[in-house]
Amino acid sequence: MYIEELRDFCMAKKGVTEHFPFDDVTLVFKVMQKMFALTSLDRWEKGEQRINLKCNPEKAKDLRDEHEGINPGFHMSKKHWNTVTLNTSDVSDDLVKELINHSYDLVVKGLTRKEQKELDNY
């Protein structure tokens, strides 16, 4: 997967915006101002294509056990975030998309009713 594909996939979701809140190389995708995905453009360009994604704690542990390319979230809550290494033999593009969807859905479920109604209007 290329960075453009990743960006397009995330941005196609309802209510998603992109930001650089930490520095000028960490691209963060948010839904209703809540993070669901982030990646380092610096590392991406160096061949280290990784993305941090929110994940249900039980599912996160299972994914880490099943896939070498999925590890506890780098610089994130290890319980709720995974770092997914893309373009590896055991992490397909389809799996990455599934995990992005899961992360997005988790964040949306955690929104207030008011925020969810606002999101419905996008």
PDB file of N, CA and C in Angstrom:
ATOM      1  N   MET A   1       0.846  -1.175   0.000  1.00  0.00           N
ATOM      2  CA  MET A   1       0.000   0.000   0.000  1.00  0.00           C
ATOM      3  C   MET A   1       0.894   1.243   0.000  1.00  0.00           C
ATOM      4  N   TYR A   2       0.511   2.201  -0.784  1.00  0.00           N
ATOM      5  CA  TYR A   2       1.230   3.466  -0.848  1.00  0.00           C
ATOM      6  C   TYR A   2       0.571   4.478   0.093  1.00  0.00           C
ATOM      7  N   ILE A   3       1.308   5.505   0.474  1.00  0.00           N
ATOM      8  CA  ILE A   3       0.795   6.509   1.400  1.00  0.00           C
ATOM      9  C   ILE A   3      -0.450   7.188   0.828  1.00  0.00           C
ATOM     10  N   GLU A   4      -0.484   7.392  -0.481  1.00  0.00           N
ATOM     11  CA  GLU A   4      -1.643   8.025  -1.102  1.00  0.00           C
ATOM     12  C   GLU A   4      -2.885   7.154  -0.948  1.00  0.00           C
ATOM     13  N   GLU A   5      -2.718   5.835  -1.086  1.00  0.00           N
ATOM     14  CA  GLU A   5      -3.835   4.906  -0.907  1.00  0.00           C
ATOM     15  C   GLU A   5      -4.336   4.945   0.532  1.00  0.00           C
ATOM     16  N   LEU A   6      -3.406   4.944   1.460  1.00  0.00           N
ATOM     17  CA  LEU A   6      -3.759   5.003   2.874  1.00  0.00           C
ATOM     18  C   LEU A   6      -4.531   6.287   3.160  1.00  0.00           C
ATOM     19  N   ARG A   7      -4.011   7.404   2.698  1.00  0.00           N
ATOM     20  CA  ARG A   7      -4.664   8.699   2.920  1.00  0.00           C
ATOM     21  C   ARG A   7      -6.052   8.718   2.297  1.00  0.00           C
ATOM     22  N   ASP A   8      -6.170   8.289   1.052  1.00  0.00           N
ATOM     23  CA  ASP A   8      -7.460   8.285   0.364  1.00  0.00           C
ATOM     24  C   ASP A   8      -8.474   7.405   1.095  1.00  0.00           C
ATOM     25  N   PHE A   9      -8.029   6.244   1.585  1.00  0.00           N
ATOM     26  CA  PHE A   9      -8.925   5.330   2.282  1.00  0.00           C
ATOM     27  C   PHE A   9      -9.452   5.983   3.566  1.00  0.00           C
ATOM     28  N   CYS A  10      -8.555   6.610   4.318  1.00  0.00           N
ATOM     29  CA  CYS A  10      -8.966   7.257   5.566  1.00  0.00           C
ATOM     30  C   CYS A  10      -9.854   8.473   5.297  1.00  0.00           C
ATOM     31  N   MET A  11      -9.475   9.287   4.336  1.00  0.00           N
ATOM     32  CA  MET A  11     -10.207  10.525   4.068  1.00  0.00           C
ATOM     33  C   MET A  11     -11.589  10.273   3.463  1.00  0.00           C
ATOM     34  N   ALA A  12     -11.811   9.103   2.905  1.00  0.00           N
ATOM     35  CA  ALA A  12     -13.106   8.781   2.301  1.00  0.00           C
ATOM     36  C   ALA A  12     -14.176   8.513   3.367  1.00  0.00           C
ATOM     37  N   LYS A  13     -13.762   8.361   4.599  1.00  0.00           N
ATOM     38  CA  LYS A  13     -14.708   8.075   5.681  1.00  0.00           C
ATOM     39  C   LYS A  13     -15.410   9.360   6.125  1.00  0.00           C
ATOM     40  N   LYS A  14     -16.623   9.190   6.566  1.00  0.00           N
ATOM     41  CA  LYS A  14     -17.454  10.322   6.968  1.00  0.00           C
ATOM     42  C   LYS A  14     -16.833  11.077   8.146  1.00  0.00           C
ATOM     43  N   GLY A  15     -16.705  12.411   7.977  1.00  0.00           N
ATOM     44  CA  GLY A  15     -16.265  13.271   9.065  1.00  0.00           C
ATOM     45  C   GLY A  15     -14.773  13.267   9.352  1.00  0.00           C
ATOM     46  N   VAL A  16     -13.974  12.692   8.458  1.00  0.00           N
ATOM     47  CA  VAL A  16     -12.531  12.578   8.719  1.00  0.00           C
ATOM     48  C   VAL A  16     -11.787  13.820   8.256  1.00  0.00           C
ATOM     49  N   THR A  17     -10.859  14.247   9.098  1.00  0.00           N
ATOM     50  CA  THR A  17      -9.949  15.343   8.770  1.00  0.00           C
ATOM     51  C   THR A  17      -8.524  14.880   9.044  1.00  0.00           C
ATOM     52  N   GLU A  18      -7.570  15.545   8.418  1.00  0.00           N
ATOM     53  CA  GLU A  18      -6.164  15.209   8.646  1.00  0.00           C
ATOM     54  C   GLU A  18      -5.475  16.386   9.310  1.00  0.00           C
ATOM     55  N   HIS A  19      -4.498  16.061  10.176  1.00  0.00           N
ATOM     56  CA  HIS A  19      -3.826  17.081  10.978  1.00  0.00           C
ATOM     57  C   HIS A  19      -2.360  16.705  11.189  1.00  0.00           C
ATOM     58  N   PHE A  20      -1.590  17.700  11.628  1.00  0.00           N
ATOM     59  CA  PHE A  20      -0.210  17.506  12.057  1.00  0.00           C
ATOM     60  C   PHE A  20      -0.065  18.141  13.437  1.00  0.00           C
ATOM     61  N   PRO A  21      -0.718  17.568  14.465  1.00  0.00           N
ATOM     62  CA  PRO A  21      -0.733  18.215  15.781  1.00  0.00           C
ATOM     63  C   PRO A  21       0.561  18.096  16.578  1.00  0.00           C
ATOM     64  N   PHE A  22       1.394  17.126  16.255  1.00  0.00           N
ATOM     65  CA  PHE A  22       2.594  16.875  17.055  1.00  0.00           C
ATOM     66  C   PHE A  22       3.842  17.505  16.449  1.00  0.00           C
ATOM     67  N   ASP A  23       3.947  17.427  15.133  1.00  0.00           N
ATOM     68  CA  ASP A  23       5.098  17.956  14.404  1.00  0.00           C
ATOM     69  C   ASP A  23       4.701  18.006  12.934  1.00  0.00           C
ATOM     70  N   ASP A  24       5.656  18.306  12.065  1.00  0.00           N
ATOM     71  CA  ASP A  24       5.299  18.421  10.647  1.00  0.00           C
ATOM     72  C   ASP A  24       5.464  17.124   9.861  1.00  0.00           C
ATOM     73  N   VAL A  25       5.699  16.007  10.535  1.00  0.00           N
ATOM     74  CA  VAL A  25       5.851  14.727   9.838  1.00  0.00           C
ATOM     75  C   VAL A  25       4.896  13.636  10.327  1.00  0.00           C
ATOM     76  N   THR A  26       4.195  13.872  11.433  1.00  0.00           N
ATOM     77  CA  THR A  26       3.266  12.864  11.949  1.00  0.00           C
ATOM     78  C   THR A  26       1.856  13.209  11.485  1.00  0.00           C
ATOM     79  N   LEU A  27       1.386  12.448  10.500  1.00  0.00           N
ATOM     80  CA  LEU A  27       0.066  12.655   9.921  1.00  0.00           C
ATOM     81  C   LEU A  27      -0.968  11.934  10.770  1.00  0.00           C
ATOM     82  N   VAL A  28      -1.965  12.687  11.237  1.00  0.00           N
ATOM     83  CA  VAL A  28      -3.002  12.150  12.127  1.00  0.00           C
ATOM     84  C   VAL A  28      -4.357  12.287  11.440  1.00  0.00           C
ATOM     85  N   PHE A  29      -5.102  11.185  11.442  1.00  0.00           N
ATOM     86  CA  PHE A  29      -6.462  11.197  10.920  1.00  0.00           C
ATOM     87  C   PHE A  29      -7.417  11.187  12.103  1.00  0.00           C
ATOM     88  N   LYS A  30      -8.398  12.095  12.055  1.00  0.00           N
ATOM     89  CA  LYS A  30      -9.366  12.217  13.140  1.00  0.00           C
ATOM     90  C   LYS A  30     -10.779  12.154  12.578  1.00  0.00           C
ATOM     91  N   VAL A  31     -11.675  11.625  13.400  1.00  0.00           N
ATOM     92  CA  VAL A  31     -13.097  11.713  13.118  1.00  0.00           C
ATOM     93  C   VAL A  31     -13.695  12.513  14.266  1.00  0.00           C
ATOM     94  N   MET A  32     -14.350  13.612  13.940  1.00  0.00           N
ATOM     95  CA  MET A  32     -14.938  14.494  14.946  1.00  0.00           C
ATOM     96  C   MET A  32     -13.902  14.870  16.012  1.00  0.00           C
ATOM     97  N   GLN A  33     -12.717  15.196  15.560  1.00  0.00           N
ATOM     98  CA  GLN A  33     -11.608  15.654  16.401  1.00  0.00           C
ATOM     99  C   GLN A  33     -11.018  14.593  17.324  1.00  0.00           C
ATOM    100  N   LYS A  34     -11.315  13.319  17.058  1.00  0.00           N
ATOM    101  CA  LYS A  34     -10.757  12.209  17.844  1.00  0.00           C
ATOM    102  C   LYS A  34      -9.881  11.358  16.926  1.00  0.00           C
ATOM    103  N   MET A  35      -8.657  11.086  17.369  1.00  0.00           N
ATOM    104  CA  MET A  35      -7.713  10.310  16.569  1.00  0.00           C
ATOM    105  C   MET A  35      -8.169   8.865  16.383  1.00  0.00           C
ATOM    106  N   PHE A  36      -7.989   8.377  15.145  1.00  0.00           N
ATOM    107  CA  PHE A  36      -8.193   6.948  14.923  1.00  0.00           C
ATOM    108  C   PHE A  36      -7.024   6.327  14.160  1.00  0.00           C
ATOM    109  N   ALA A  37      -6.155   7.153  13.586  1.00  0.00           N
ATOM    110  CA  ALA A  37      -5.000   6.629  12.854  1.00  0.00           C
ATOM    111  C   ALA A  37      -3.916   7.696  12.775  1.00  0.00           C
ATOM    112  N   LEU A  38      -2.650   7.246  12.862  1.00  0.00           N
ATOM    113  CA  LEU A  38      -1.539   8.165  12.671  1.00  0.00           C
ATOM    114  C   LEU A  38      -0.333   7.428  12.124  1.00  0.00           C
ATOM    115  N   THR A  39       0.457   8.167  11.357  1.00  0.00           N
ATOM    116  CA  THR A  39       1.650   7.590  10.751  1.00  0.00           C
ATOM    117  C   THR A  39       2.724   8.658  10.612  1.00  0.00           C
ATOM    118  N   SER A  40       3.967   8.218  10.568  1.00  0.00           N
ATOM    119  CA  SER A  40       5.098   9.119  10.394  1.00  0.00           C
ATOM    120  C   SER A  40       5.480   9.166   8.912  1.00  0.00           C
ATOM    121  N   LEU A  41       5.354  10.330   8.310  1.00  0.00           N
ATOM    122  CA  LEU A  41       5.718  10.476   6.898  1.00  0.00           C
ATOM    123  C   LEU A  41       7.220  10.301   6.702  1.00  0.00           C
ATOM    124  N   ASP A  42       8.008  10.750   7.691  1.00  0.00           N
ATOM    125  CA  ASP A  42       9.463  10.560   7.651  1.00  0.00           C
ATOM    126  C   ASP A  42       9.819   9.088   7.531  1.00  0.00           C
ATOM    127  N   ARG A  43       9.277   8.298   8.422  1.00  0.00           N
ATOM    128  CA  ARG A  43       9.575   6.859   8.427  1.00  0.00           C
ATOM    129  C   ARG A  43       9.033   6.193   7.178  1.00  0.00           C
ATOM    130  N   TRP A  44       7.865   6.634   6.736  1.00  0.00           N
ATOM    131  CA  TRP A  44       7.255   6.058   5.539  1.00  0.00           C
ATOM    132  C   TRP A  44       8.215   6.205   4.357  1.00  0.00           C
ATOM    133  N   GLU A  45       8.786   7.402   4.206  1.00  0.00           N
ATOM    134  CA  GLU A  45       9.712   7.666   3.105  1.00  0.00           C
ATOM    135  C   GLU A  45      11.000   6.858   3.230  1.00  0.00           C
ATOM    136  N   LYS A  46      11.350   6.445   4.449  1.00  0.00           N
ATOM    137  CA  LYS A  46      12.547   5.637   4.674  1.00  0.00           C
ATOM    138  C   LYS A  46      12.269   4.142   4.510  1.00  0.00           C
ATOM    139  N   GLY A  47      11.032   3.800   4.129  1.00  0.00           N
ATOM    140  CA  GLY A  47      10.694   2.394   3.925  1.00  0.00           C
ATOM    141  C   GLY A  47      10.091   1.716   5.140  1.00  0.00           C
ATOM    142  N   GLU A  48       9.796   2.478   6.184  1.00  0.00           N
ATOM    143  CA  GLU A  48       9.186   1.929   7.396  1.00  0.00           C
ATOM    144  C   GLU A  48       7.713   2.330   7.414  1.00  0.00           C
ATOM    145  N   GLN A  49       6.913   1.632   6.597  1.00  0.00           N
ATOM    146  CA  GLN A  49       5.502   1.961   6.477  1.00  0.00           C
ATOM    147  C   GLN A  49       4.721   1.372   7.651  1.00  0.00           C
ATOM    148  N   ARG A  50       4.441   2.229   8.604  1.00  0.00           N
ATOM    149  CA  ARG A  50       3.716   1.813   9.808  1.00  0.00           C
ATOM    150  C   ARG A  50       2.585   2.778  10.077  1.00  0.00           C
ATOM    151  N   ILE A  51       1.533   2.246  10.698  1.00  0.00           N
ATOM    152  CA  ILE A  51       0.413   3.079  11.090  1.00  0.00           C
ATOM    153  C   ILE A  51      -0.054   2.636  12.470  1.00  0.00           C
ATOM    154  N   ASN A  52      -0.363   3.605  13.317  1.00  0.00           N
ATOM    155  CA  ASN A  52      -0.932   3.304  14.631  1.00  0.00           C
ATOM    156  C   ASN A  52      -2.442   3.377  14.517  1.00  0.00           C
ATOM    157  N   LEU A  53      -3.113   2.328  15.021  1.00  0.00           N
ATOM    158  CA  LEU A  53      -4.562   2.233  14.931  1.00  0.00           C
ATOM    159  C   LEU A  53      -5.153   1.829  16.277  1.00  0.00           C
ATOM    160  N   LYS A  54      -6.253   2.439  16.614  1.00  0.00           N
ATOM    161  CA  LYS A  54      -6.968   2.080  17.836  1.00  0.00           C
ATOM    162  C   LYS A  54      -7.565   0.690  17.648  1.00  0.00           C
ATOM    163  N   CYS A  55      -7.650  -0.070  18.743  1.00  0.00           N
ATOM    164  CA  CYS A  55      -8.146  -1.440  18.633  1.00  0.00           C
ATOM    165  C   CYS A  55      -8.759  -1.882  19.957  1.00  0.00           C
ATOM    166  N   ASN A  56      -9.798  -2.677  19.856  1.00  0.00           N
ATOM    167  CA  ASN A  56     -10.388  -3.307  21.033  1.00  0.00           C
ATOM    168  C   ASN A  56      -9.284  -4.097  21.731  1.00  0.00           C
ATOM    169  N   PRO A  57      -9.123  -3.971  23.057  1.00  0.00           N
ATOM    170  CA  PRO A  57      -8.009  -4.616  23.759  1.00  0.00           C
ATOM    171  C   PRO A  57      -7.885  -6.129  23.527  1.00  0.00           C
ATOM    172  N   GLU A  58      -8.988  -6.852  23.546  1.00  0.00           N
ATOM    173  CA  GLU A  58      -8.912  -8.304  23.325  1.00  0.00           C
ATOM    174  C   GLU A  58      -8.479  -8.623  21.901  1.00  0.00           C
ATOM    175  N   LYS A  59      -9.045  -7.894  20.952  1.00  0.00           N
ATOM    176  CA  LYS A  59      -8.689  -8.093  19.546  1.00  0.00           C
ATOM    177  C   LYS A  59      -7.227  -7.702  19.310  1.00  0.00           C
ATOM    178  N   ALA A  60      -6.786  -6.642  19.977  1.00  0.00           N
ATOM    179  CA  ALA A  60      -5.405  -6.176  19.823  1.00  0.00           C
ATOM    180  C   ALA A  60      -4.425  -7.278  20.207  1.00  0.00           C
ATOM    181  N   LYS A  61      -4.691  -7.928  21.331  1.00  0.00           N
ATOM    182  CA  LYS A  61      -3.809  -8.998  21.789  1.00  0.00           C
ATOM    183  C   LYS A  61      -3.818 -10.164  20.800  1.00  0.00           C
ATOM    184  N   ASP A  62      -4.994 -10.553  20.329  1.00  0.00           N
ATOM    185  CA  ASP A  62      -5.092 -11.654  19.370  1.00  0.00           C
ATOM    186  C   ASP A  62      -4.339 -11.333  18.083  1.00  0.00           C
ATOM    187  N   LEU A  63      -4.495 -10.112  17.598  1.00  0.00           N
ATOM    188  CA  LEU A  63      -3.805  -9.709  16.366  1.00  0.00           C
ATOM    189  C   LEU A  63      -2.288  -9.761  16.540  1.00  0.00           C
ATOM    190  N   ARG A  64      -1.808  -9.331  17.693  1.00  0.00           N
ATOM    191  CA  ARG A  64      -0.362  -9.355  17.962  1.00  0.00           C
ATOM    192  C   ARG A  64       0.162 -10.778  18.011  1.00  0.00           C
ATOM    193  N   ASP A  65      -0.650 -11.684  18.558  1.00  0.00           N
ATOM    194  CA  ASP A  65      -0.255 -13.090  18.618  1.00  0.00           C
ATOM    195  C   ASP A  65      -0.237 -13.741  17.239  1.00  0.00           C
ATOM    196  N   GLU A  66      -1.126 -13.298  16.353  1.00  0.00           N
ATOM    197  CA  GLU A  66      -1.281 -13.916  15.031  1.00  0.00           C
ATOM    198  C   GLU A  66      -0.369 -13.330  13.953  1.00  0.00           C
ATOM    199  N   HIS A  67       0.069 -12.071  14.130  1.00  0.00           N
ATOM    200  CA  HIS A  67       0.798 -11.381  13.053  1.00  0.00           C
ATOM    201  C   HIS A  67       2.091 -10.758  13.566  1.00  0.00           C
ATOM    202  N   GLU A  68       3.186 -11.091  12.915  1.00  0.00           N
ATOM    203  CA  GLU A  68       4.474 -10.475  13.255  1.00  0.00           C
ATOM    204  C   GLU A  68       4.459  -8.976  13.025  1.00  0.00           C
ATOM    205  N   GLY A  69       3.697  -8.540  12.029  1.00  0.00           N
ATOM    206  CA  GLY A  69       3.662  -7.127  11.652  1.00  0.00           C
ATOM    207  C   GLY A  69       2.734  -6.271  12.493  1.00  0.00           C
ATOM    208  N   ILE A  70       2.161  -6.839  13.560  1.00  0.00           N
ATOM    209  CA  ILE A  70       1.276  -6.073  14.438  1.00  0.00           C
ATOM    210  C   ILE A  70       1.829  -6.141  15.857  1.00  0.00           C
ATOM    211  N   ASN A  71       2.103  -4.960  16.408  1.00  0.00           N
ATOM    212  CA  ASN A  71       2.745  -4.847  17.724  1.00  0.00           C
ATOM    213  C   ASN A  71       2.027  -3.802  18.572  1.00  0.00           C
ATOM    214  N   PRO A  72       2.326  -3.779  19.870  1.00  0.00           N
ATOM    215  CA  PRO A  72       1.728  -2.744  20.718  1.00  0.00           C
ATOM    216  C   PRO A  72       2.023  -1.351  20.161  1.00  0.00           C
ATOM    217  N   GLY A  73       1.083  -0.444  20.319  1.00  0.00           N
ATOM    218  CA  GLY A  73       1.209   0.899  19.756  1.00  0.00           C
ATOM    219  C   GLY A  73       2.453   1.637  20.203  1.00  0.00           C
ATOM    220  N   PHE A  74       3.237   2.086  19.245  1.00  0.00           N
ATOM    221  CA  PHE A  74       4.452   2.852  19.503  1.00  0.00           C
ATOM    222  C   PHE A  74       4.060   4.231  20.007  1.00  0.00           C
ATOM    223  N   HIS A  75       4.527   4.601  21.192  1.00  0.00           N
ATOM    224  CA  HIS A  75       4.225   5.889  21.830  1.00  0.00           C
ATOM    225  C   HIS A  75       2.733   6.077  22.088  1.00  0.00           C
ATOM    226  N   MET A  76       2.001   4.990  22.248  1.00  0.00           N
ATOM    227  CA  MET A  76       0.554   5.056  22.485  1.00  0.00           C
ATOM    228  C   MET A  76       0.216   4.108  23.629  1.00  0.00           C
ATOM    229  N   SER A  77      -1.027   4.137  24.059  1.00  0.00           N
ATOM    230  CA  SER A  77      -1.497   3.180  25.050  1.00  0.00           C
ATOM    231  C   SER A  77      -1.387   1.786  24.451  1.00  0.00           C
ATOM    232  N   LYS A  78      -0.579   0.945  25.072  1.00  0.00           N
ATOM    233  CA  LYS A  78      -0.346  -0.414  24.543  1.00  0.00           C
ATOM    234  C   LYS A  78      -1.618  -1.263  24.605  1.00  0.00           C
ATOM    235  N   LYS A  79      -2.511  -0.904  25.485  1.00  0.00           N
ATOM    236  CA  LYS A  79      -3.754  -1.666  25.636  1.00  0.00           C
ATOM    237  C   LYS A  79      -4.729  -1.382  24.491  1.00  0.00           C
ATOM    238  N   HIS A  80      -4.777  -0.137  24.024  1.00  0.00           N
ATOM    239  CA  HIS A  80      -5.801   0.281  23.067  1.00  0.00           C
ATOM    240  C   HIS A  80      -5.299   0.598  21.668  1.00  0.00           C
ATOM    241  N   TRP A  81      -3.993   0.531  21.451  1.00  0.00           N
ATOM    242  CA  TRP A  81      -3.447   0.895  20.139  1.00  0.00           C
ATOM    243  C   TRP A  81      -2.459  -0.164  19.664  1.00  0.00           C
ATOM    244  N   ASN A  82      -2.467  -0.409  18.360  1.00  0.00           N
ATOM    245  CA  ASN A  82      -1.499  -1.281  17.713  1.00  0.00           C
ATOM    246  C   ASN A  82      -0.702  -0.481  16.697  1.00  0.00           C
ATOM    247  N   THR A  83       0.545  -0.851  16.529  1.00  0.00           N
ATOM    248  CA  THR A  83       1.337  -0.363  15.404  1.00  0.00           C
ATOM    249  C   THR A  83       1.339  -1.475  14.372  1.00  0.00           C
ATOM    250  N   VAL A  84       0.843  -1.145  13.188  1.00  0.00           N
ATOM    251  CA  VAL A  84       0.722  -2.120  12.113  1.00  0.00           C
ATOM    252  C   VAL A  84       1.772  -1.792  11.057  1.00  0.00           C
ATOM    253  N   THR A  85       2.640  -2.758  10.775  1.00  0.00           N
ATOM    254  CA  THR A  85       3.646  -2.584   9.737  1.00  0.00           C
ATOM    255  C   THR A  85       3.060  -3.067   8.420  1.00  0.00           C
ATOM    256  N   LEU A  86       2.947  -2.162   7.476  1.00  0.00           N
ATOM    257  CA  LEU A  86       2.354  -2.463   6.185  1.00  0.00           C
ATOM    258  C   LEU A  86       3.372  -3.109   5.257  1.00  0.00           C
ATOM    259  N   ASN A  87       2.871  -3.663   4.185  1.00  0.00           N
ATOM    260  CA  ASN A  87       3.704  -4.253   3.133  1.00  0.00           C
ATOM    261  C   ASN A  87       4.607  -5.363   3.674  1.00  0.00           C
ATOM    262  N   THR A  88       4.078  -6.141   4.628  1.00  0.00           N
ATOM    263  CA  THR A  88       4.806  -7.304   5.121  1.00  0.00           C
ATOM    264  C   THR A  88       4.048  -8.551   4.691  1.00  0.00           C
ATOM    265  N   SER A  89       4.698  -9.674   4.790  1.00  0.00           N
ATOM    266  CA  SER A  89       4.092 -10.917   4.299  1.00  0.00           C
ATOM    267  C   SER A  89       2.859 -11.331   5.088  1.00  0.00           C
ATOM    268  N   ASP A  90       2.760 -10.938   6.349  1.00  0.00           N
ATOM    269  CA  ASP A  90       1.609 -11.382   7.133  1.00  0.00           C
ATOM    270  C   ASP A  90       0.592 -10.275   7.427  1.00  0.00           C
ATOM    271  N   VAL A  91       0.746  -9.121   6.799  1.00  0.00           N
ATOM    272  CA  VAL A  91      -0.230  -8.036   6.939  1.00  0.00           C
ATOM    273  C   VAL A  91      -0.606  -7.559   5.535  1.00  0.00           C
ATOM    274  N   SER A  92      -1.736  -8.051   5.059  1.00  0.00           N
ATOM    275  CA  SER A  92      -2.196  -7.702   3.711  1.00  0.00           C
ATOM    276  C   SER A  92      -2.848  -6.319   3.703  1.00  0.00           C
ATOM    277  N   ASP A  93      -2.986  -5.751   2.526  1.00  0.00           N
ATOM    278  CA  ASP A  93      -3.689  -4.470   2.396  1.00  0.00           C
ATOM    279  C   ASP A  93      -5.133  -4.601   2.875  1.00  0.00           C
ATOM    280  N   ASP A  94      -5.751  -5.741   2.606  1.00  0.00           N
ATOM    281  CA  ASP A  94      -7.132  -5.958   3.060  1.00  0.00           C
ATOM    282  C   ASP A  94      -7.211  -5.946   4.582  1.00  0.00           C
ATOM    283  N   LEU A  95      -6.239  -6.560   5.241  1.00  0.00           N
ATOM    284  CA  LEU A  95      -6.217  -6.556   6.711  1.00  0.00           C
ATOM    285  C   LEU A  95      -6.023  -5.129   7.226  1.00  0.00           C
ATOM    286  N   VAL A  96      -5.146  -4.377   6.601  1.00  0.00           N
ATOM    287  CA  VAL A  96      -4.915  -2.987   7.015  1.00  0.00           C
ATOM    288  C   VAL A  96      -6.219  -2.198   6.908  1.00  0.00           C
ATOM    289  N   LYS A  97      -6.931  -2.357   5.813  1.00  0.00           N
ATOM    290  CA  LYS A  97      -8.203  -1.649   5.635  1.00  0.00           C
ATOM    291  C   LYS A  97      -9.220  -2.081   6.686  1.00  0.00           C
ATOM    292  N   GLU A  98      -9.260  -3.367   6.978  1.00  0.00           N
ATOM    293  CA  GLU A  98     -10.160  -3.886   8.015  1.00  0.00           C
ATOM    294  C   GLU A  98      -9.831  -3.253   9.369  1.00  0.00           C
ATOM    295  N   LEU A  99      -8.536  -3.129   9.669  1.00  0.00           N
ATOM    296  CA  LEU A  99      -8.115  -2.561  10.954  1.00  0.00           C
ATOM    297  C   LEU A  99      -8.354  -1.052  11.016  1.00  0.00           C
ATOM    298  N   ILE A 100      -8.222  -0.368   9.890  1.00  0.00           N
ATOM    299  CA  ILE A 100      -8.560   1.062   9.843  1.00  0.00           C
ATOM    300  C   ILE A 100     -10.057   1.232  10.102  1.00  0.00           C
ATOM    301  N   ASN A 101     -10.871   0.397   9.459  1.00  0.00           N
ATOM    302  CA  ASN A 101     -12.319   0.455   9.680  1.00  0.00           C
ATOM    303  C   ASN A 101     -12.664   0.200  11.146  1.00  0.00           C
ATOM    304  N   HIS A 102     -11.999  -0.790  11.738  1.00  0.00           N
ATOM    305  CA  HIS A 102     -12.231  -1.121  13.145  1.00  0.00           C
ATOM    306  C   HIS A 102     -11.876   0.076  14.041  1.00  0.00           C
ATOM    307  N   SER A 103     -10.756   0.699  13.783  1.00  0.00           N
ATOM    308  CA  SER A 103     -10.316   1.850  14.571  1.00  0.00           C
ATOM    309  C   SER A 103     -11.323   2.996  14.436  1.00  0.00           C
ATOM    310  N   TYR A 104     -11.704   3.306  13.220  1.00  0.00           N
ATOM    311  CA  TYR A 104     -12.686   4.360  12.958  1.00  0.00           C
ATOM    312  C   TYR A 104     -13.993   4.069  13.698  1.00  0.00           C
ATOM    313  N   ASP A 105     -14.483   2.834  13.559  1.00  0.00           N
ATOM    314  CA  ASP A 105     -15.748   2.445  14.195  1.00  0.00           C
ATOM    315  C   ASP A 105     -15.673   2.558  15.718  1.00  0.00           C
ATOM    316  N   LEU A 106     -14.550   2.170  16.306  1.00  0.00           N
ATOM    317  CA  LEU A 106     -14.385   2.300  17.760  1.00  0.00           C
ATOM    318  C   LEU A 106     -14.494   3.753  18.204  1.00  0.00           C
ATOM    319  N   VAL A 107     -13.845   4.625  17.469  1.00  0.00           N
ATOM    320  CA  VAL A 107     -13.877   6.042  17.833  1.00  0.00           C
ATOM    321  C   VAL A 107     -15.292   6.591  17.666  1.00  0.00           C
ATOM    322  N   VAL A 108     -15.956   6.246  16.578  1.00  0.00           N
ATOM    323  CA  VAL A 108     -17.324   6.728  16.345  1.00  0.00           C
ATOM    324  C   VAL A 108     -18.261   6.243  17.454  1.00  0.00           C
ATOM    325  N   LYS A 109     -18.111   4.992  17.866  1.00  0.00           N
ATOM    326  CA  LYS A 109     -18.957   4.461  18.951  1.00  0.00           C
ATOM    327  C   LYS A 109     -18.734   5.208  20.257  1.00  0.00           C
ATOM    328  N   GLY A 110     -17.543   5.760  20.440  1.00  0.00           N
ATOM    329  CA  GLY A 110     -17.226   6.486  21.664  1.00  0.00           C
ATOM    330  C   GLY A 110     -17.641   7.948  21.642  1.00  0.00           C
ATOM    331  N   LEU A 111     -18.155   8.416  20.516  1.00  0.00           N
ATOM    332  CA  LEU A 111     -18.595   9.808  20.432  1.00  0.00           C
ATOM    333  C   LEU A 111     -19.881  10.011  21.217  1.00  0.00           C
ATOM    334  N   THR A 112     -20.107  11.231  21.626  1.00  0.00           N
ATOM    335  CA  THR A 112     -21.370  11.558  22.282  1.00  0.00           C
ATOM    336  C   THR A 112     -22.499  11.464  21.264  1.00  0.00           C
ATOM    337  N   ARG A 113     -23.732  11.392  21.750  1.00  0.00           N
ATOM    338  CA  ARG A 113     -24.886  11.353  20.826  1.00  0.00           C
ATOM    339  C   ARG A 113     -24.916  12.583  19.939  1.00  0.00           C
ATOM    340  N   LYS A 114     -24.601  13.710  20.524  1.00  0.00           N
ATOM    341  CA  LYS A 114     -24.581  14.967  19.759  1.00  0.00           C
ATOM    342  C   LYS A 114     -23.550  14.882  18.627  1.00  0.00           C
ATOM    343  N   GLU A 115     -22.353  14.394  18.953  1.00  0.00           N
ATOM    344  CA  GLU A 115     -21.303  14.267  17.929  1.00  0.00           C
ATOM    345  C   GLU A 115     -21.706  13.252  16.859  1.00  0.00           C
ATOM    346  N   GLN A 116     -22.348  12.162  17.271  1.00  0.00           N
ATOM    347  CA  GLN A 116     -22.782  11.162  16.301  1.00  0.00           C
ATOM    348  C   GLN A 116     -23.838  11.742  15.360  1.00  0.00           C
ATOM    349  N   LYS A 117     -24.738  12.588  15.890  1.00  0.00           N
ATOM    350  CA  LYS A 117     -25.737  13.235  15.032  1.00  0.00           C
ATOM    351  C   LYS A 117     -25.069  14.193  14.057  1.00  0.00           C
ATOM    352  N   GLU A 118     -24.068  14.925  14.546  1.00  0.00           N
ATOM    353  CA  GLU A 118     -23.317  15.823  13.659  1.00  0.00           C
ATOM    354  C   GLU A 118     -22.644  15.035  12.550  1.00  0.00           C
ATOM    355  N   LEU A 119     -22.083  13.895  12.912  1.00  0.00           N
ATOM    356  CA  LEU A 119     -21.397  13.048  11.942  1.00  0.00           C
ATOM    357  C   LEU A 119     -22.389  12.551  10.882  1.00  0.00           C
ATOM    358  N   ASP A 120     -23.599  12.234  11.279  1.00  0.00           N
ATOM    359  CA  ASP A 120     -24.616  11.787  10.336  1.00  0.00           C
ATOM    360  C   ASP A 120     -24.912  12.832   9.275  1.00  0.00           C
ATOM    361  N   ASN A 121     -24.651  14.100   9.590  1.00  0.00           N
ATOM    362  CA  ASN A 121     -24.929  15.198   8.644  1.00  0.00           C
ATOM    363  C   ASN A 121     -23.813  15.430   7.633  1.00  0.00           C
ATOM    364  N   TYR A 122     -22.712  14.690   7.735  1.00  0.00           N
ATOM    365  CA  TYR A 122     -21.606  14.871   6.780  1.00  0.00           C
ATOM    366  C   TYR A 122     -21.956  14.228   5.466  1.00  0.00           C
TER     367      TYR A 122
END
